[in-house]
Protein backbone atom coordinates (compact mmCIF):
# COMPACT_ATOMS: atom_id res chain seq x y z
CA MET A 1 -20.47 32.17 -4.64
CA MET A 2 -18.64 35.35 -5.59
CA ASP A 3 -17.58 35.88 -9.22
CA ILE A 4 -13.79 35.64 -8.72
CA LYS A 5 -13.08 36.85 -12.31
CA ARG A 6 -14.35 40.29 -11.43
CA ILE A 7 -12.37 40.71 -8.19
CA ASN A 8 -8.83 41.83 -8.82
CA THR A 9 -8.12 44.32 -6.03
CA ILE A 10 -8.38 44.44 -2.27
CA ARG A 11 -11.28 47.04 -2.77
CA GLU A 12 -13.28 44.66 -4.82
CA LEU A 13 -12.71 41.91 -2.38
CA LYS A 14 -14.01 43.96 0.50
CA GLU A 15 -17.12 45.01 -1.63
CA ALA A 16 -17.74 41.33 -2.24
CA GLY A 17 -17.99 40.73 1.41
CA TYR A 18 -15.03 38.37 1.64
CA LYS A 19 -14.30 37.21 5.15
CA PRO A 20 -10.88 35.51 5.78
CA LYS A 21 -10.78 32.26 7.88
CA SER A 22 -7.95 30.03 8.84
CA ILE A 23 -7.20 26.90 6.96
CA LYS A 24 -8.34 24.71 9.89
CA GLU A 25 -11.51 26.47 9.99
CA GLU A 26 -12.03 26.22 6.29
CA LEU A 27 -11.46 22.32 6.52
CA ARG A 28 -13.88 22.24 9.56
CA GLN A 29 -16.69 24.12 7.83
CA ASN A 30 -16.40 22.10 4.67
CA LEU A 31 -16.18 18.70 6.47
CA ILE A 32 -19.42 19.59 8.48
CA GLN A 33 -21.21 20.22 5.05
CA LYS A 34 -20.14 16.90 3.88
CA LEU A 35 -21.16 15.02 6.91
CA GLN A 36 -24.55 16.83 6.86
CA ALA A 37 -25.00 15.98 3.21
CA LYS A 38 -23.95 12.26 3.97
CA ASP A 39 -21.29 12.63 1.36
CA VAL A 40 -18.15 10.37 1.39
CA THR A 41 -15.47 12.32 2.95
CA PHE A 42 -12.49 10.18 1.85
CA PRO A 43 -13.31 8.35 -1.30
CA LYS A 44 -11.52 5.17 -2.31
CA ILE A 45 -10.26 4.53 1.10
CA ILE A 46 -11.20 1.03 1.79
CA GLY A 47 -11.29 -0.55 5.31
CA TYR A 48 -11.10 2.61 7.26
CA ASP A 49 -14.88 3.42 7.60
CA ASP A 50 -15.15 2.54 11.25
CA SER A 51 -11.66 3.13 12.43
CA VAL A 52 -9.18 5.70 10.72
CA ILE A 53 -11.65 7.91 8.86
CA PRO A 54 -13.78 8.70 11.98
CA ASP A 55 -10.52 9.52 13.79
CA VAL A 56 -9.37 11.88 10.95
CA GLU A 57 -12.83 13.62 10.94
CA ARG A 58 -12.68 14.11 14.67
CA ALA A 59 -9.25 15.61 14.37
CA LEU A 60 -10.26 17.99 11.62
CA LEU A 61 -13.36 19.03 13.53
CA SER A 62 -11.07 19.74 16.41
CA LYS A 63 -8.75 21.83 14.18
CA HIS A 64 -5.80 19.54 15.10
CA ASN A 65 -2.48 18.86 13.46
CA ILE A 66 -2.34 15.12 12.82
CA LEU A 67 0.31 12.28 12.94
CA PHE A 68 -0.56 9.16 11.04
CA LEU A 69 1.30 6.26 12.76
CA GLY A 70 1.46 3.07 10.81
CA LEU A 71 3.45 0.52 8.59
CA ARG A 72 4.15 1.14 4.98
CA GLY A 73 1.45 0.75 2.52
CA GLN A 74 -1.46 1.80 4.84
CA ALA A 75 -2.70 4.79 2.75
CA LYS A 76 -1.18 7.42 5.13
CA THR A 77 0.00 9.96 2.40
CA ARG A 78 -3.14 9.17 0.24
CA MET A 79 -5.41 10.27 3.10
CA ALA A 80 -3.39 13.46 3.61
CA ARG A 81 -3.65 14.31 -0.11
CA GLN A 82 -7.43 13.77 -0.18
CA MET A 83 -7.79 16.59 2.48
CA VAL A 84 -7.23 19.00 -0.27
CA ASP A 85 -10.73 18.33 -1.49
CA LEU A 86 -12.03 19.66 1.92
CA LEU A 87 -10.55 23.02 1.15
CA ASP A 88 -12.46 25.97 -0.35
CA GLU A 89 -12.12 25.69 -4.37
CA TYR A 90 -10.30 29.14 -4.49
CA ILE A 91 -8.89 31.71 -2.09
CA PRO A 92 -7.51 35.23 -2.73
CA VAL A 93 -3.71 36.07 -2.19
CA ILE A 94 -1.78 39.17 -2.89
CA THR A 95 -0.32 38.99 -6.37
CA GLY A 96 3.42 38.14 -6.29
CA SER A 97 3.39 36.94 -2.78
CA GLU A 98 5.77 33.99 -2.17
CA ILE A 99 3.76 32.70 0.85
CA ASN A 100 0.23 33.14 -0.13
CA ASP A 101 -0.58 36.31 1.91
CA ASP A 102 -4.18 36.80 2.80
CA PRO A 103 -5.06 40.32 1.21
CA LEU A 104 -6.90 41.29 4.48
CA HIS A 105 -4.23 39.75 6.85
CA PRO A 106 -0.83 40.01 5.30
CA ILE A 107 2.22 38.78 7.06
CA SER A 108 5.24 39.18 4.84
CA LYS A 109 7.26 42.34 4.42
CA TYR A 110 6.60 42.16 0.65
CA ALA A 111 2.84 42.17 1.04
CA LYS A 112 2.80 44.87 3.76
CA ASP A 113 5.07 47.11 1.66
CA LEU A 114 2.86 46.68 -1.40
CA ILE A 115 -0.36 47.49 0.50
CA LEU A 116 1.36 50.57 2.03
CA GLU A 117 2.27 51.71 -1.50
CA LYS A 118 -1.01 50.95 -3.38
CA GLY A 119 -3.66 50.70 -0.61
CA GLU A 120 -6.75 49.08 -1.56
CA ASP A 121 -5.77 49.00 -5.28
CA THR A 122 -3.31 46.27 -4.32
CA PRO A 123 -3.75 43.51 -6.89
CA ILE A 124 -4.88 40.05 -5.83
CA GLU A 125 -5.10 36.72 -7.56
CA TRP A 126 -6.97 33.46 -6.88
CA ILE A 127 -5.28 30.12 -6.28
CA HIS A 128 -7.04 26.78 -6.66
CA ARG A 129 -7.14 24.25 -3.95
CA SER A 130 -5.01 21.88 -5.86
CA SER A 131 -2.12 24.31 -5.44
CA ARG A 132 -2.52 24.43 -1.72
CA TYR A 133 -0.65 21.29 -0.89
CA GLY A 134 3.01 20.75 0.04
CA GLU A 135 4.82 17.51 0.76
CA LYS A 136 8.29 16.59 1.96
CA LEU A 137 9.92 13.21 2.50
CA ALA A 138 12.04 13.48 5.62
CA THR A 139 15.55 12.28 5.21
CA PRO A 140 18.61 12.90 7.56
CA ASP A 141 20.03 15.48 4.95
CA VAL A 142 16.99 17.76 4.93
CA SER A 143 18.12 21.14 6.42
CA VAL A 144 16.50 24.03 8.02
CA ALA A 145 17.02 25.97 4.70
CA ASP A 146 15.11 23.39 2.79
CA LEU A 147 12.16 23.60 5.10
CA ILE A 148 12.12 27.25 6.52
CA GLY A 149 14.53 29.20 4.34
CA ASP A 150 17.95 30.95 3.89
CA VAL A 151 19.52 34.31 3.08
CA ASP A 152 19.87 34.48 -0.75
CA PRO A 153 22.90 36.36 -1.81
CA ILE A 154 21.87 36.64 -5.51
CA LYS A 155 18.54 38.15 -4.51
CA ALA A 156 20.47 40.65 -2.28
CA ALA A 157 22.84 41.45 -5.20
CA ASN A 158 19.99 42.01 -7.74
CA LEU A 159 17.98 44.10 -5.35
CA ARG A 160 21.14 45.87 -4.10
CA LEU A 161 20.05 45.20 -0.59
CA SER A 162 22.20 44.34 2.54
CA PHE A 163 22.01 41.03 4.21
CA ALA A 164 20.39 42.77 7.06
CA ASP A 165 17.25 43.50 5.07
CA GLU A 166 14.34 41.02 5.31
CA ARG A 167 13.71 41.06 1.62
CA VAL A 168 16.90 38.96 0.82
CA ILE A 169 15.44 35.90 2.50
CA HIS A 170 14.55 32.99 0.29
CA TYR A 171 11.68 31.13 1.95
CA GLY A 172 11.62 27.43 2.20
CA ILE A 173 8.84 25.02 1.55
CA ILE A 174 7.02 25.51 4.85
CA PRO A 175 6.51 29.36 4.49
CA LYS A 176 5.55 28.86 0.84
CA SER A 177 2.95 26.39 2.06
CA ASN A 178 1.11 29.15 4.12
CA ARG A 179 -2.73 28.72 3.95
CA SER A 180 -2.07 25.12 2.74
CA ILE A 181 -1.79 21.51 3.92
CA PHE A 182 1.85 20.53 4.53
CA VAL A 183 2.76 16.90 4.89
CA ILE A 184 6.07 15.64 6.27
CA ASN A 185 6.39 11.83 5.60
CA GLU A 186 8.57 9.77 7.80
CA LEU A 187 8.92 12.44 10.50
CA PRO A 188 11.30 10.51 12.84
CA ASP A 189 14.03 10.56 10.12
CA LEU A 190 14.32 14.36 10.46
CA GLN A 191 17.26 15.41 12.63
CA ALA A 192 16.30 16.46 16.22
CA ARG A 193 17.32 20.25 15.62
CA ILE A 194 15.05 20.36 12.46
CA GLN A 195 12.07 19.02 14.61
CA VAL A 196 12.83 21.66 17.12
CA ALA A 197 12.61 24.29 14.27
CA LEU A 198 9.15 22.74 13.40
CA PHE A 199 8.14 22.98 17.00
CA ASN A 200 8.86 26.69 17.02
CA ILE A 201 6.66 27.25 13.97
CA LEU A 202 3.73 25.23 15.56
CA GLU A 203 4.02 26.65 18.91
CA GLU A 204 5.34 30.22 18.71
CA GLY A 205 4.65 31.21 15.06
CA ASP A 206 8.14 32.58 14.53
CA VAL A 207 11.03 31.42 12.43
CA GLN A 208 14.80 32.13 12.69
CA ILE A 209 16.84 32.43 9.40
CA ARG A 210 20.45 33.28 9.79
CA GLY A 211 19.94 35.56 12.77
CA PHE A 212 16.77 36.92 11.52
CA LYS A 213 13.93 36.37 13.87
CA LEU A 214 10.82 36.57 11.97
CA ARG A 215 7.37 36.68 13.35
CA LEU A 216 5.48 34.62 10.70
CA PRO A 217 2.10 33.39 12.05
CA LEU A 218 1.93 30.76 9.35
CA ASP A 219 -1.61 29.43 8.72
CA ILE A 220 -0.92 25.61 7.91
CA LEU A 221 -2.43 22.28 8.71
CA PHE A 222 0.51 19.98 9.43
CA VAL A 223 0.03 16.37 8.64
CA PHE A 224 2.99 13.98 9.61
CA THR A 225 3.44 10.37 8.86
CA ALA A 226 5.80 7.93 10.70
CA ASN A 227 6.38 4.28 10.75
CA PRO A 228 6.48 2.53 14.08
CA GLU A 229 9.78 0.98 13.32
CA ASP A 230 11.26 4.44 12.76
CA TYR A 231 9.52 5.59 15.76
CA THR A 232 11.18 3.15 17.89
CA ASN A 233 14.60 2.17 16.29
CA ARG A 234 16.12 4.41 13.68
CA GLY A 235 14.74 7.71 15.00
CA SER A 236 12.23 9.33 17.31
CA ILE A 237 10.10 12.35 17.58
CA VAL A 238 11.26 14.99 19.86
CA THR A 239 8.93 15.22 22.90
CA PRO A 240 7.96 18.94 22.48
CA LEU A 241 7.00 18.40 18.98
CA LYS A 242 5.11 15.14 19.60
CA ASP A 243 3.22 16.95 22.33
CA ARG A 244 2.20 19.75 19.86
CA ILE A 245 0.69 17.38 17.38
CA GLU A 246 -2.75 17.06 18.85
CA SER A 247 -4.10 14.00 17.17
CA GLN A 248 -2.08 10.73 16.64
CA ILE A 249 -4.05 8.24 14.39
CA LEU A 250 -3.18 4.73 14.17
CA THR A 251 -3.41 3.11 10.70
CA HIS A 252 -3.75 -0.57 9.83
CA TYR A 253 -3.70 -3.06 7.15
CA PRO A 254 -7.01 -4.57 5.66
CA LYS A 255 -8.78 -6.56 8.55
CA SER A 256 -10.70 -8.79 6.10
CA LEU A 257 -9.89 -10.52 2.85
CA GLU A 258 -12.94 -8.82 1.15
CA HIS A 259 -11.41 -5.33 2.01
CA ALA A 260 -8.17 -6.48 0.61
CA LEU A 261 -9.80 -7.70 -2.64
CA GLU A 262 -11.38 -4.28 -3.09
CA ILE A 263 -8.14 -2.50 -2.66
CA THR A 264 -6.26 -4.66 -5.12
CA GLU A 265 -9.06 -4.54 -7.74
CA GLN A 266 -9.17 -0.77 -7.32
CA GLU A 267 -5.44 -0.07 -7.47
CA ALA A 268 -4.03 -2.82 -9.89
CA GLU A 269 -3.33 -1.43 -13.40
CA VAL A 270 -4.43 -4.29 -15.53
CA GLN A 271 -4.51 -3.52 -19.30
CA PRO A 272 -7.88 -3.59 -21.16
CA GLU A 273 -6.63 -6.09 -23.60
CA GLN A 274 -5.61 -8.40 -20.76
CA LYS A 275 -9.01 -8.18 -19.21
CA GLU A 276 -10.55 -8.83 -22.51
CA LYS A 277 -8.72 -12.05 -23.21
CA ILE A 278 -7.84 -13.40 -19.61
CA ALA A 279 -10.53 -14.67 -17.16
CA VAL A 280 -9.53 -14.64 -13.42
CA SER A 281 -11.68 -16.42 -11.00
CA ASP A 282 -12.45 -15.32 -7.39
CA LEU A 283 -10.39 -18.20 -6.26
CA LEU A 284 -7.30 -16.87 -7.77
CA LYS A 285 -7.93 -13.40 -6.35
CA ARG A 286 -8.32 -14.80 -2.91
CA LEU A 287 -5.19 -16.83 -3.25
CA ILE A 288 -3.16 -13.72 -4.07
CA GLU A 289 -4.65 -11.78 -1.16
CA GLN A 290 -3.98 -14.76 1.22
CA VAL A 291 -0.21 -14.41 0.33
CA ALA A 292 -0.16 -11.09 1.98
CA PHE A 293 -1.98 -12.22 5.14
CA GLU A 294 0.26 -15.22 5.50
CA ALA A 295 3.34 -12.86 5.12
CA ARG A 296 2.07 -10.63 7.85
CA SER A 297 2.07 -13.46 10.29
CA SER A 298 5.21 -15.36 8.89
CA GLU A 299 8.13 -16.19 11.21
CA PHE A 300 10.47 -15.26 8.39
CA VAL A 301 9.10 -11.80 7.66
CA ASP A 302 9.88 -8.73 9.54
CA LYS A 303 6.69 -7.66 11.20
CA LYS A 304 8.22 -4.16 12.14
CA SER A 305 8.54 -3.37 8.45
CA GLY A 306 5.20 -4.64 7.48
CA VAL A 307 3.85 -6.15 4.27
CA SER A 308 2.44 -3.40 2.05
CA ALA A 309 -0.75 -3.75 0.05
CA ARG A 310 1.48 -3.03 -2.96
CA LEU A 311 2.51 -6.73 -2.77
CA THR A 312 -0.83 -8.08 -3.80
CA ILE A 313 -1.27 -5.24 -6.26
CA SER A 314 1.97 -6.13 -7.99
CA ALA A 315 1.13 -9.89 -7.70
CA TYR A 316 -2.21 -9.38 -9.29
CA GLU A 317 -0.76 -7.65 -12.26
CA ASN A 318 2.12 -10.38 -12.56
CA ALA A 319 -0.54 -13.06 -12.46
CA PHE A 320 -2.23 -11.45 -15.63
CA SER A 321 1.07 -11.09 -17.40
CA SER A 322 2.02 -14.65 -16.72
CA ALA A 323 -1.30 -15.75 -18.43
CA GLU A 324 -0.79 -13.15 -21.09
CA ARG A 325 2.74 -14.44 -21.92
CA ARG A 326 1.55 -18.09 -22.20
CA LEU A 327 -1.31 -16.81 -24.46
CA ILE A 328 0.84 -15.05 -26.76
CA ILE A 329 3.37 -17.88 -27.00
CA ASN A 330 0.73 -20.51 -27.67
CA ASN A 331 -1.15 -18.25 -30.01
CA GLU A 332 -4.36 -18.76 -28.25
CA SER A 333 -7.38 -16.31 -28.27
CA SER A 334 -8.24 -16.61 -24.65
CA THR A 335 -7.32 -18.15 -21.39
CA GLN A 336 -7.74 -18.03 -17.69
CA ILE A 337 -5.22 -17.64 -14.81
CA TRP A 338 -4.25 -20.91 -13.50
CA VAL A 339 -2.91 -21.87 -10.03
CA SER A 340 0.48 -22.74 -11.87
CA ASP A 341 0.56 -19.19 -13.09
CA LEU A 342 1.08 -17.95 -9.59
CA VAL A 343 4.79 -19.08 -9.77
CA GLY A 344 4.95 -15.81 -11.73
CA ILE A 345 4.04 -13.69 -8.85
CA ILE A 346 7.19 -14.74 -6.97
CA PRO A 347 9.18 -11.54 -8.04
CA ALA A 348 6.30 -9.42 -6.62
CA ILE A 349 6.53 -11.14 -3.25
CA THR A 350 10.41 -11.11 -2.91
CA GLY A 351 10.54 -7.39 -3.62
CA LYS A 352 7.99 -6.38 -1.09
CA ILE A 353 8.88 -8.31 2.03
CA GLU A 354 11.77 -7.59 4.59
CA LEU A 355 13.03 -10.87 6.04
CA VAL A 356 14.41 -11.55 9.50
CA TYR A 357 17.65 -13.60 10.08
CA GLU A 358 15.85 -16.94 9.76
CA GLY A 359 14.27 -15.80 6.62
CA GLU A 360 17.54 -14.77 5.13
CA GLN A 361 18.95 -18.14 5.81
CA GLU A 362 15.85 -19.83 3.97
CA GLY A 363 16.37 -17.30 1.01
CA PRO A 364 13.90 -14.90 -0.43
CA TYR A 365 12.69 -17.25 -3.08
CA GLN A 366 12.08 -20.21 -0.79
CA VAL A 367 10.18 -17.80 1.65
CA ALA A 368 8.04 -16.53 -1.28
CA MET A 369 7.33 -20.21 -2.29
CA ASN A 370 6.41 -21.13 1.27
CA LEU A 371 4.04 -18.13 1.56
CA LEU A 372 2.28 -19.16 -1.54
CA ASP A 373 2.02 -22.80 -0.35
CA LYS A 374 0.59 -21.60 2.90
CA ALA A 375 -1.83 -19.42 1.01
CA ILE A 376 -2.97 -22.40 -0.91
CA ARG A 377 -3.33 -24.49 2.28
CA SER A 378 -5.36 -21.78 3.98
CA GLN A 379 -7.65 -21.12 1.09
CA PHE A 380 -8.16 -24.89 0.18
CA ILE A 381 -10.44 -25.71 3.26
CA GLN A 382 -12.64 -22.71 2.27
CA TYR A 383 -13.62 -24.69 -0.94
CA PHE A 384 -13.01 -28.35 -0.10
CA PRO A 385 -13.22 -30.68 2.95
CA ASN A 386 -10.35 -30.13 5.34
CA PRO A 387 -7.95 -33.20 5.10
CA GLU A 388 -6.68 -32.66 8.69
CA LEU A 389 -10.35 -33.12 9.83
CA LEU A 390 -10.79 -36.26 7.74
CA LYS A 391 -7.63 -37.68 9.26
CA LYS A 392 -8.74 -36.77 12.79
CA ARG A 393 -12.12 -38.14 12.33
CA ALA A 394 -10.63 -41.50 10.96
CA ARG A 395 -8.51 -41.93 14.03
CA GLN A 396 -11.32 -41.27 16.30
CA LYS A 397 -13.07 -44.12 14.61
CA GLY A 398 -10.19 -46.34 15.12
CA GLU A 399 -9.50 -46.81 11.48
CA SER A 400 -5.94 -47.03 10.09
CA SER A 401 -7.08 -44.81 7.06
CA PRO A 402 -9.95 -42.55 6.38
CA GLY A 403 -11.26 -45.27 4.01
CA ASP A 404 -14.32 -44.48 1.86
CA GLU A 405 -15.13 -41.41 3.86
CA ASN A 406 -12.17 -39.78 2.44
CA PRO A 407 -13.15 -37.92 -0.78
CA TYR A 408 -9.50 -37.71 -1.89
CA LYS A 409 -8.92 -41.42 -1.70
CA SER A 410 -9.12 -42.12 -5.44
CA VAL A 411 -6.92 -39.12 -6.33
CA ILE A 412 -4.29 -40.13 -3.69
CA SER A 413 -4.40 -43.81 -4.89
CA TRP A 414 -3.81 -42.89 -8.40
CA PHE A 415 -0.43 -41.32 -7.52
CA ASP A 416 0.29 -44.07 -5.05
CA LYS A 417 0.15 -46.57 -7.94
CA GLY A 418 3.22 -44.86 -9.51
CA HIS A 419 1.51 -42.29 -11.69
CA HIS A 420 2.75 -38.82 -11.85
CA LEU A 421 1.66 -35.46 -13.46
CA ASN A 422 4.12 -32.95 -14.89
CA ILE A 423 2.38 -29.77 -15.87
CA PHE A 424 4.43 -27.33 -17.86
CA PHE A 425 3.95 -23.65 -17.21
CA GLY A 426 3.58 -22.94 -20.90
CA THR A 427 1.20 -25.71 -21.57
CA LYS A 428 -1.83 -24.94 -23.78
CA ASP A 429 -5.21 -24.89 -21.92
CA ARG A 430 -6.61 -27.96 -23.75
CA GLU A 431 -3.46 -29.98 -23.07
CA LYS A 432 -3.62 -29.05 -19.42
CA ILE A 433 -7.25 -29.95 -19.12
CA ASN A 434 -6.53 -33.37 -20.64
CA GLN A 435 -3.74 -34.02 -18.36
CA LEU A 436 -5.83 -33.16 -15.30
CA TYR A 437 -8.62 -35.53 -16.50
CA GLN A 438 -6.06 -38.48 -16.36
CA VAL A 439 -6.05 -38.35 -12.62
CA ASP A 440 -8.59 -40.91 -11.37
CA GLY A 441 -11.44 -39.33 -9.34
CA LEU A 442 -10.28 -35.90 -9.65
CA HIS A 443 -13.07 -34.51 -11.96
CA ALA A 444 -15.69 -36.53 -9.94
CA LEU A 445 -14.47 -34.87 -6.63
CA VAL A 446 -14.80 -31.45 -8.09
CA LYS A 447 -18.25 -32.05 -9.61
CA LYS A 448 -19.42 -33.42 -6.32
CA VAL A 449 -18.45 -30.22 -4.50
CA PHE A 450 -19.20 -27.87 -7.38
CA PRO A 451 -21.81 -29.48 -9.55
CA HIS A 452 -22.54 -26.18 -11.52
CA ALA A 453 -19.02 -25.56 -12.48
CA ASN A 454 -18.39 -25.25 -16.31
CA GLU A 455 -15.60 -27.16 -17.92
CA ARG A 456 -12.97 -24.21 -17.44
CA GLU A 457 -13.92 -23.59 -13.78
CA ALA A 458 -13.99 -27.32 -13.14
CA ALA A 459 -10.48 -27.70 -14.51
CA LEU A 460 -9.21 -24.84 -12.42
CA LEU A 461 -10.66 -26.44 -9.42
CA MET A 462 -9.05 -29.85 -10.35
CA GLU A 463 -5.55 -28.13 -10.54
CA PHE A 464 -6.28 -26.41 -7.08
CA VAL A 465 -7.20 -29.86 -5.53
CA LEU A 466 -3.68 -31.12 -6.55
CA HIS A 467 -2.01 -28.08 -5.06
CA GLY A 468 -4.15 -28.26 -2.02
CA LEU A 469 -3.50 -32.03 -1.42
CA ALA A 470 0.26 -31.23 -1.77
CA SER A 471 0.06 -28.39 0.85
CA TYR A 472 -1.38 -30.92 3.18
CA SER A 473 1.37 -33.47 2.49
CA LEU A 474 -0.95 -36.04 1.01
CA ILE A 475 0.88 -35.99 -2.35
CA SER A 476 4.17 -34.68 -3.41
CA LYS A 477 4.76 -31.33 -5.45
CA LYS A 478 7.94 -30.23 -6.86
CA ILE A 479 8.38 -26.87 -8.59
CA LEU A 480 10.84 -27.15 -11.50
CA GLU A 481 12.18 -24.36 -13.64
CA THR A 482 9.60 -25.11 -16.46
CA SER A 483 7.02 -27.15 -14.77
CA VAL A 484 5.23 -28.39 -11.59
CA GLU A 485 5.54 -32.16 -10.87
CA PHE A 486 3.00 -34.07 -8.80
CA LYS A 487 3.80 -37.51 -7.50
CA ASP A 488 2.92 -39.81 -4.64
CA LEU A 489 4.38 -38.78 -1.34
CA MET A 490 6.04 -41.96 -0.25
CA GLY A 491 7.73 -42.57 -3.53
CA SER A 492 9.16 -39.07 -3.41
CA MET A 493 10.48 -39.55 0.06
CA LEU A 494 11.99 -42.78 -0.87
CA ASN A 495 13.71 -41.24 -3.82
CA ILE A 496 15.08 -38.48 -1.47
CA GLN A 497 16.37 -41.12 0.87
CA THR A 498 17.74 -43.31 -1.90
CA SER A 499 19.46 -40.18 -3.41
CA SER A 500 21.04 -39.46 -0.11
CA SER A 501 22.31 -43.02 0.46
CA PHE A 502 23.93 -42.79 -3.07
CA ASP A 503 25.56 -39.61 -2.23
CA GLU A 504 26.99 -41.14 1.13
CA ASP A 505 28.24 -44.25 -0.83
CA GLU A 506 29.97 -41.98 -3.26
CA GLU A 507 31.46 -40.11 -0.59
CA ASP A 508 32.77 -43.41 1.05
CA ASP A 509 34.26 -44.47 -2.36
CA TYR A 510 35.94 -41.17 -2.51
CA ARG A 511 37.43 -41.69 0.85
């Protein structure tokens, strides 16, 4: 490793034995070293070890420009940003160069003129790899001037130069990213003529600015990102440009709940005081993640838009805040996140899903509540006997009801006798536990399945059973503004029918 503090001119750089290399060669060599050392190439990227990351490594080894194609929230930009860590820590550039000219291979007129004037005494400086990254979000109003450059009349006036002089050009973000990684997010949103200009840079190494045709063999690794929805509907990638992007890599959402849990745990910003006072069970974490899985397969949610991992991250943070708010109001020292606290994650769901027409008819709130209910239903059978299988087994035996084989019989019977449970969202933990113990057979059921659960864990599971039975339509659940109410199913249905009859009678009276 050369001592860069002692190297300040081209002469000293040559004496130190510096050999220039392209950015793609730089990335390739450093990636090879990491792979040989068994180092992690893309840390904190979860779920891509056997899919996306190997594809990216192959692309970098092949010195390819890259297109990440995937839905929102699939870590496309994050992976591009992490490529910076595969660059050399420092590289030399000619002092004052706008486009990071290599001292031994200058390409700008400024650098060439400076070397012509000062020779090997031309001053150089060193830039850190963190400065060698450029990023632009493609929008329809992005212009060639933004990306490539334009004539600067102020510079012409200050330097007393005519517009025919190359030195009056103000470079755009791409030339300024020479010898760097440059990312264009949502590429299809760029106008076709802008994409053609990018193609010229990639293919020919020249740029045209207001009549200037400059030969600028820019040394850039281009990384593009695109959403398949944009790719097919709102815009497209022009064929010559798409053909010039050598590697197109498909990204994806977490394929397993375990990977999704890791991502949320890593990304969620839960405050230290929240973690200290609020316990969160693995059950609650899984319920939150299941919401995203349900949303991605829901008929009400637009699959082309996707469901970002940000949904569960925001929901996880909201769940803690729901419990914290209750903790503060009740002046308690500690608590846990209850299933009823998940009503507080609804804003995180409604803000992260795009609905199709049928979903708009249902309404965002109702769709979010349905997704939460489906998540409870899916996870319930991972912890307790499947009510559907119990019903099926009873029918096969020719019984009219599951009878004694049904572990939920006592609980359901308690509600059938006319009892109901109204749990307020702001209820203190002790009061909630006392309410749950009122339900016949509920605690016994939980202790039979989870004999080692402590009181707090058992109480959470007891509440989960009620929500689970409601999701399988064995009891009734109604979410009110301040509470959740559990009743018997038949009584609730009769109340609805009776209420409808009264409405019809009132309408007849009105007539």
